[in-house]
Amino acid sequence: MTMPQEPVPEVEEFLFGSGLVVDDYYVERSPVSEVICYVNRDGRAFDLHISNEKLASAAIEHLLRLGVRVVTLGGVAQVESAP
């Protein structure tokens, strides 16, 4: 059995240190990437691009564990063909 990982303190500070809460965030998922997005107090949506890949991965994993909404883009089904 895998134990749930505790969030890295830097991830918590990065995501929530400015006053945003879990409900402000969502993850946009496309066939090639996942991007953290958030809605500010004025209702405007923004992408949160993180240049540190380790922090970005940890932040996405943490938000998904917290149950944020996932928006799937490019809803084209991928079909694998047999060789």
Protein backbone atom coordinates (compact mmCIF):
# COMPACT_ATOMS: atom_id res chain seq x y z
CA MET A 1 0.00 0.00 0.00
CA THR A 2 1.33 3.43 -0.95
CA MET A 3 1.23 6.09 1.71
CA PRO A 4 -0.05 9.51 0.60
CA GLN A 5 2.78 11.96 0.20
CA GLU A 6 2.78 15.06 2.34
CA PRO A 7 3.01 18.28 0.35
CA VAL A 8 6.38 19.95 0.25
CA PRO A 9 6.22 23.14 2.37
CA GLU A 10 7.44 25.18 -0.61
CA VAL A 11 4.47 23.93 -2.65
CA GLU A 12 1.99 25.01 0.01
CA GLU A 13 3.60 28.45 0.28
CA PHE A 14 3.83 28.84 -3.49
CA LEU A 15 0.18 27.95 -4.10
CA PHE A 16 -1.51 29.45 -1.07
CA GLY A 17 0.90 32.06 0.31
CA SER A 18 -0.74 34.92 -1.57
CA GLY A 19 -4.22 34.17 -0.25
CA LEU A 20 -5.54 31.90 -3.00
CA VAL A 21 -7.50 28.86 -1.84
CA VAL A 22 -8.08 25.43 -3.35
CA ASP A 23 -11.35 26.53 -5.00
CA ASP A 24 -9.46 29.24 -6.92
CA TYR A 25 -7.43 26.63 -8.82
CA TYR A 26 -8.08 24.19 -11.64
CA VAL A 27 -5.85 22.14 -13.94
CA GLU A 28 -6.08 22.35 -17.73
CA ARG A 29 -5.10 19.04 -19.28
CA SER A 30 -4.30 18.69 -22.98
CA PRO A 31 -2.85 15.75 -24.90
CA VAL A 32 0.64 17.21 -24.39
CA SER A 33 0.62 19.02 -21.03
CA GLU A 34 -1.03 19.99 -17.78
CA VAL A 35 -1.18 23.62 -16.68
CA ILE A 36 -2.22 25.03 -13.34
CA CYS A 37 -4.78 27.80 -13.71
CA TYR A 38 -6.45 30.04 -11.18
CA VAL A 39 -9.24 32.60 -10.98
CA ASN A 40 -8.41 35.84 -9.18
CA ARG A 41 -10.77 37.86 -6.99
CA ASP A 42 -12.01 39.80 -10.04
CA GLY A 43 -13.06 36.55 -11.73
CA ARG A 44 -10.29 36.59 -14.35
CA ALA A 45 -8.65 33.27 -15.21
CA PHE A 46 -4.87 32.98 -15.52
CA ASP A 47 -2.38 30.25 -16.35
CA LEU A 48 0.29 29.73 -13.72
CA HIS A 49 3.47 28.85 -15.60
CA ILE A 50 6.20 27.49 -13.36
CA SER A 51 9.72 27.32 -14.79
CA ASN A 52 10.97 24.91 -12.11
CA GLU A 53 9.79 21.50 -13.36
CA LYS A 54 10.13 19.83 -9.97
CA LEU A 55 8.00 22.50 -8.28
CA ALA A 56 5.48 22.43 -11.15
CA SER A 57 5.06 18.65 -10.92
CA ALA A 58 4.74 18.76 -7.14
CA ALA A 59 2.18 21.58 -7.34
CA ILE A 60 0.03 19.78 -9.92
CA GLU A 61 0.15 16.54 -7.95
CA HIS A 62 -0.77 18.37 -4.76
CA LEU A 63 -3.70 20.20 -6.35
CA LEU A 64 -5.01 16.99 -7.92
CA ARG A 65 -4.82 15.25 -4.53
CA LEU A 66 -6.82 18.16 -3.08
CA GLY A 67 -9.50 17.50 -5.70
CA VAL A 68 -9.29 20.57 -7.93
CA ARG A 69 -11.35 20.59 -11.10
CA VAL A 70 -9.68 19.25 -14.26
CA VAL A 71 -10.56 20.83 -17.61
CA THR A 72 -9.66 18.68 -20.61
CA LEU A 73 -8.68 20.56 -23.76
CA GLY A 74 -8.41 19.16 -27.28
CA GLY A 75 -11.03 16.51 -26.73
CA VAL A 76 -9.86 14.43 -29.67
CA ALA A 77 -9.75 10.77 -28.74
CA GLN A 78 -6.41 9.15 -29.30
CA VAL A 79 -6.58 5.79 -31.01
CA GLU A 80 -3.66 3.42 -31.09
CA SER A 81 -3.34 1.41 -34.24
CA ALA A 82 -2.19 -2.19 -34.20
CA PRO A 83 1.17 -2.89 -35.85
